[in-house]
């Protein structure tokens, strides 16, 4: 984590942080109305059909190797990603197509991914699994607790970056050159923002995917990171099908 930036963020006046919480309400209202997808891709089984026909896989969590069952996978675990908290379990969500760009290797690693590429994929005219791994998306879909507080970091003019620019903590190119950078060296900067948000009562951050094409002109394209699995004693997320019972 960028300690210099973190210390500057810690010194922001309480009144400014409270204003930021108030100005985040429109974002909170927006994210509450959406279904949030936890997207992952697994190999399909050709002969056996345990796990709904998907193959379990191993992945590393810090110093441990975990065996992941697709339909019963954990959502929250420690990472060293863009908005991670050191050693603290977090979870990432998105809309379906953004999650595909984030998780499907061909799209994730293609620096010049275009809207035309995605349009061909959605029309089933293009198979991005060029290695024949029989990868298939296994999303789990959720809605958010109505008391959630999300910090909006999804654009250069959101209240967060206006405040940081006004306080001369960052410059006006901070968003384009740091937050939207695909280079992992910026993670120390974005992780400082995550720590600031978490310590000031936000349950997560909304941010623009760096994997979605820059020329993407349809809806979607945002990611959501959550810092906790509960608000008080209640789950912070629930299966999207239960939205019908929440009035």
Protein backbone atom coordinates (compact mmCIF):
# COMPACT_ATOMS: atom_id res chain seq x y z
CA UNK A 1 0.00 0.00 0.00
CA UNK A 2 1.19 3.52 -0.78
CA UNK A 3 1.79 4.77 2.77
CA UNK A 4 2.32 8.39 1.76
CA UNK A 5 -1.06 8.57 0.03
CA UNK A 6 -2.69 6.62 2.86
CA UNK A 7 -1.44 9.14 5.44
CA UNK A 8 -2.81 12.02 3.37
CA UNK A 9 -6.17 10.30 3.12
CA UNK A 10 -6.21 9.66 6.88
CA UNK A 11 -5.77 13.39 7.49
CA UNK A 12 -8.90 14.37 5.57
CA UNK A 13 -11.25 16.18 7.94
CA UNK A 14 -14.15 14.24 9.40
CA UNK A 15 -16.57 16.80 7.98
CA UNK A 16 -15.23 16.17 4.47
CA UNK A 17 -15.59 12.41 4.92
CA UNK A 18 -19.17 12.89 6.16
CA UNK A 19 -19.95 15.00 3.09
CA UNK A 20 -18.48 12.26 0.93
CA UNK A 21 -20.80 9.75 2.57
CA UNK A 22 -23.81 11.99 1.83
CA UNK A 23 -22.73 12.58 -1.77
CA UNK A 24 -22.39 8.81 -2.26
CA UNK A 25 -26.12 8.23 -1.78
CA UNK A 26 -26.96 8.34 -5.52
CA UNK A 27 -24.35 5.64 -6.11
CA UNK A 28 -25.82 3.53 -3.34
CA UNK A 29 -29.30 3.86 -4.82
CA UNK A 30 -27.93 2.81 -8.20
CA UNK A 31 -26.08 -0.28 -7.02
CA UNK A 32 -29.06 -1.44 -4.97
CA UNK A 33 -31.17 -1.73 -8.09
CA UNK A 34 -28.74 -4.03 -9.87
CA UNK A 35 -27.98 -7.71 -9.84
CA UNK A 36 -24.30 -8.30 -9.13
CA UNK A 37 -22.58 -11.24 -10.75
CA UNK A 38 -19.73 -13.20 -9.22
CA UNK A 39 -18.34 -14.61 -12.46
CA UNK A 40 -15.83 -17.44 -12.83
CA UNK A 41 -14.95 -19.82 -15.63
CA UNK A 42 -14.39 -23.57 -15.29
CA UNK A 43 -13.68 -26.43 -17.61
CA UNK A 44 -16.68 -28.50 -18.60
CA UNK A 45 -16.57 -32.20 -17.87
CA UNK A 46 -17.09 -34.47 -20.86
CA UNK A 47 -17.76 -37.75 -19.09
CA UNK A 48 -18.61 -37.15 -15.44
CA UNK A 49 -21.29 -34.77 -14.27
CA UNK A 50 -20.49 -33.98 -10.64
CA UNK A 51 -20.62 -30.27 -9.73
CA UNK A 52 -23.29 -29.64 -12.37
CA UNK A 53 -20.87 -30.74 -15.06
CA UNK A 54 -18.07 -28.36 -14.07
CA UNK A 55 -14.57 -29.33 -12.98
CA UNK A 56 -13.27 -28.35 -9.56
CA UNK A 57 -10.04 -26.39 -9.64
CA UNK A 58 -7.23 -25.37 -7.32
CA UNK A 59 -6.24 -21.77 -6.67
CA UNK A 60 -3.87 -20.02 -4.31
CA UNK A 61 -5.03 -17.88 -1.38
CA UNK A 62 -1.96 -16.29 0.18
CA UNK A 63 0.20 -19.28 1.20
CA UNK A 64 -2.51 -21.92 0.89
CA UNK A 65 -3.88 -23.92 -2.03
CA UNK A 66 -7.66 -24.22 -1.93
CA UNK A 67 -9.88 -26.66 -3.80
CA UNK A 68 -12.83 -24.82 -5.27
CA UNK A 69 -16.23 -26.39 -5.92
CA UNK A 70 -17.97 -24.20 -8.53
CA UNK A 71 -21.48 -24.15 -7.08
CA UNK A 72 -20.32 -23.81 -3.45
CA UNK A 73 -17.32 -21.54 -3.86
CA UNK A 74 -16.30 -18.94 -1.33
CA UNK A 75 -16.88 -15.35 -2.38
CA UNK A 76 -14.70 -13.58 0.19
CA UNK A 77 -10.99 -14.33 0.49
CA UNK A 78 -7.73 -12.34 0.82
CA UNK A 79 -6.22 -11.14 -2.44
CA UNK A 80 -3.54 -8.73 -3.61
CA UNK A 81 -5.75 -7.13 -6.24
CA UNK A 82 -6.67 -3.61 -7.23
CA UNK A 83 -8.72 -2.68 -4.17
CA UNK A 84 -7.54 -5.32 -1.72
CA UNK A 85 -7.18 -4.88 2.02
CA UNK A 86 -4.01 -6.45 3.40
CA UNK A 87 -4.83 -9.95 4.66
CA UNK A 88 -8.54 -9.16 4.78
CA UNK A 89 -11.15 -11.19 2.85
CA UNK A 90 -12.92 -9.23 0.11
CA UNK A 91 -15.14 -10.12 -2.85
CA UNK A 92 -15.41 -8.74 -6.39
CA UNK A 93 -18.63 -8.49 -8.43
CA UNK A 94 -19.72 -7.01 -11.76
CA UNK A 95 -22.37 -7.29 -14.45
CA UNK A 96 -22.25 -10.43 -16.60
CA UNK A 97 -20.29 -9.04 -19.55
CA UNK A 98 -17.79 -7.09 -17.44
CA UNK A 99 -17.17 -10.23 -15.39
CA UNK A 100 -16.51 -12.10 -18.62
CA UNK A 101 -13.89 -9.50 -19.62
CA UNK A 102 -12.32 -9.74 -16.17
CA UNK A 103 -12.21 -13.52 -15.89
CA UNK A 104 -12.00 -15.09 -19.35
CA UNK A 105 -8.25 -15.20 -20.12
CA UNK A 106 -8.51 -14.18 -23.80
CA UNK A 107 -10.46 -11.01 -22.99
CA UNK A 108 -8.59 -10.21 -19.79
CA UNK A 109 -5.19 -10.27 -21.45
CA UNK A 110 -6.11 -8.53 -24.70
CA UNK A 111 -4.88 -4.94 -24.40
CA UNK A 112 -6.79 -3.71 -27.43
CA UNK A 113 -10.11 -5.42 -26.78
CA UNK A 114 -12.85 -3.59 -28.68
CA UNK A 115 -16.62 -3.30 -28.51
CA UNK A 116 -16.74 -5.10 -31.86
CA UNK A 117 -14.99 -8.12 -30.29
CA UNK A 118 -17.61 -8.30 -27.55
CA UNK A 119 -20.48 -7.84 -29.96
CA UNK A 120 -19.27 -10.83 -31.99
CA UNK A 121 -18.93 -12.86 -28.78
CA UNK A 122 -22.47 -12.00 -27.67
CA UNK A 123 -23.78 -13.01 -31.10
CA UNK A 124 -21.97 -16.36 -30.76
CA UNK A 125 -19.85 -15.53 -33.82
CA UNK A 126 -16.58 -15.73 -31.90
CA UNK A 127 -15.16 -18.33 -29.50
CA UNK A 128 -12.54 -16.71 -27.22
CA UNK A 129 -11.46 -20.10 -25.81
CA UNK A 130 -8.84 -20.62 -28.49
CA UNK A 131 -6.93 -23.28 -26.54
CA UNK A 132 -9.86 -25.68 -26.49
CA UNK A 133 -10.12 -25.76 -22.70
CA UNK A 134 -13.92 -25.98 -22.87
CA UNK A 135 -14.22 -23.05 -20.49
CA UNK A 136 -17.71 -22.09 -19.47
CA UNK A 137 -18.93 -19.30 -17.20
CA UNK A 138 -20.45 -20.29 -13.87
CA UNK A 139 -21.87 -17.03 -12.44
CA UNK A 140 -23.58 -16.63 -9.10
CA UNK A 141 -25.91 -13.66 -8.94
CA UNK A 142 -26.62 -11.50 -5.89
CA UNK A 143 -28.37 -8.37 -4.68
CA UNK A 144 -27.10 -6.05 -1.95
CA UNK A 145 -28.20 -5.35 1.60
CA UNK A 146 -30.29 -2.16 1.62
CA UNK A 147 -28.02 -0.57 4.23
CA UNK A 148 -24.88 -0.84 2.13
CA UNK A 149 -22.62 2.21 1.75
CA UNK A 150 -20.51 2.24 -1.41
CA UNK A 151 -17.76 4.72 -2.30
CA UNK A 152 -17.96 5.74 -5.94
CA UNK A 153 -14.59 5.64 -7.72
CA UNK A 154 -16.05 4.94 -11.17
CA UNK A 155 -15.19 8.17 -12.97
CA UNK A 156 -12.91 11.22 -12.88
CA UNK A 157 -15.62 13.62 -11.72
CA UNK A 158 -17.16 11.60 -8.87
CA UNK A 159 -17.13 13.29 -5.43
CA UNK A 160 -14.12 11.27 -4.22
CA UNK A 161 -11.75 12.46 -6.93
CA UNK A 162 -13.14 16.01 -6.89
CA UNK A 163 -12.35 16.13 -3.18
CA UNK A 164 -8.85 14.68 -3.55
CA UNK A 165 -8.09 17.10 -6.37
CA UNK A 166 -9.44 20.11 -4.43
CA UNK A 167 -7.27 19.12 -1.46
CA UNK A 168 -4.29 18.77 -3.82
CA UNK A 169 -3.77 15.18 -2.71
CA UNK A 170 -3.89 14.07 -6.36
CA UNK A 171 -3.70 15.83 -9.72
CA UNK A 172 -6.38 15.98 -12.38
CA UNK A 173 -4.72 13.11 -14.32
CA UNK A 174 -4.77 10.77 -11.32
CA UNK A 175 -7.86 8.93 -12.50
CA UNK A 176 -6.76 8.37 -16.09
CA UNK A 177 -3.14 7.57 -15.34
CA UNK A 178 -3.44 5.63 -12.08
CA UNK A 179 -6.94 4.35 -11.38
CA UNK A 180 -7.52 3.25 -14.99
CA UNK A 181 -4.03 1.81 -15.46
CA UNK A 182 -3.70 -1.92 -16.11
CA UNK A 183 -0.21 -1.96 -14.56
CA UNK A 184 -0.06 -3.70 -11.21
CA UNK A 185 2.26 -1.05 -9.77
CA UNK A 186 -0.82 1.16 -9.25
CA UNK A 187 -2.32 -1.38 -6.85
CA UNK A 188 -0.45 0.22 -3.95
CA UNK A 189 -2.32 3.46 -4.73
CA UNK A 190 -5.77 1.93 -5.17
CA UNK A 191 -5.26 -0.22 -2.07
CA UNK A 192 -4.64 2.98 -0.08
CA UNK A 193 -8.04 4.23 -1.29
CA UNK A 194 -9.61 0.91 -0.26
CA UNK A 195 -8.16 1.20 3.26
CA UNK A 196 -9.43 4.78 3.52
CA UNK A 197 -12.92 3.72 2.44
CA UNK A 198 -13.04 0.72 4.76
CA UNK A 199 -11.85 2.69 7.79
CA UNK A 200 -14.45 5.40 7.19
CA UNK A 201 -17.50 3.18 7.17
CA UNK A 202 -17.87 2.31 3.50
CA UNK A 203 -18.67 -1.33 2.79
CA UNK A 204 -17.13 -1.32 -0.66
CA UNK A 205 -16.07 0.60 -3.77
CA UNK A 206 -17.65 0.95 -7.21
CA UNK A 207 -15.02 1.35 -9.92
CA UNK A 208 -14.65 1.17 -13.69
CA UNK A 209 -13.25 -2.04 -15.11
CA UNK A 210 -9.92 -1.62 -16.90
CA UNK A 211 -10.70 -4.77 -18.92
CA UNK A 212 -13.89 -3.53 -20.56
CA UNK A 213 -13.12 -1.83 -23.91
CA UNK A 214 -12.56 1.93 -23.63
CA UNK A 215 -15.00 2.40 -26.52
CA UNK A 216 -17.76 0.40 -24.80
CA UNK A 217 -20.94 2.43 -25.23
CA UNK A 218 -23.60 0.09 -23.78
CA UNK A 219 -24.63 -0.20 -20.14
CA UNK A 220 -22.34 -1.90 -17.66
CA UNK A 221 -18.60 -1.81 -17.30
CA UNK A 222 -18.36 -1.31 -13.54
CA UNK A 223 -16.94 -3.59 -10.87
CA UNK A 224 -17.89 -3.70 -7.21
CA UNK A 225 -15.56 -4.74 -4.40
CA UNK A 226 -17.02 -5.51 -0.98
CA UNK A 227 -14.95 -5.44 2.21
CA UNK A 228 -17.21 -7.50 4.49
CA UNK A 229 -19.70 -10.32 4.22
CA UNK A 230 -22.12 -8.84 6.79
CA UNK A 231 -23.62 -5.53 7.87
CA UNK A 232 -24.22 -6.06 11.54
CA UNK A 233 -25.72 -9.53 11.75
CA UNK A 234 -27.19 -9.54 8.23
CA UNK A 235 -25.49 -10.75 5.04
CA UNK A 236 -24.20 -7.94 2.82
CA UNK A 237 -25.33 -9.90 -0.24
CA UNK A 238 -28.12 -12.35 -0.92
CA UNK A 239 -29.17 -14.43 -3.87
CA UNK A 240 -30.79 -12.19 -6.45
CA UNK A 241 -33.89 -14.40 -6.54
CA UNK A 242 -34.68 -13.25 -3.00
CA UNK A 243 -35.10 -9.66 -4.18
CA UNK A 244 -38.76 -10.52 -4.85
CA UNK A 245 -39.31 -10.96 -1.12
CA UNK A 246 -37.76 -7.63 -0.10
CA UNK A 247 -40.57 -5.38 -1.26
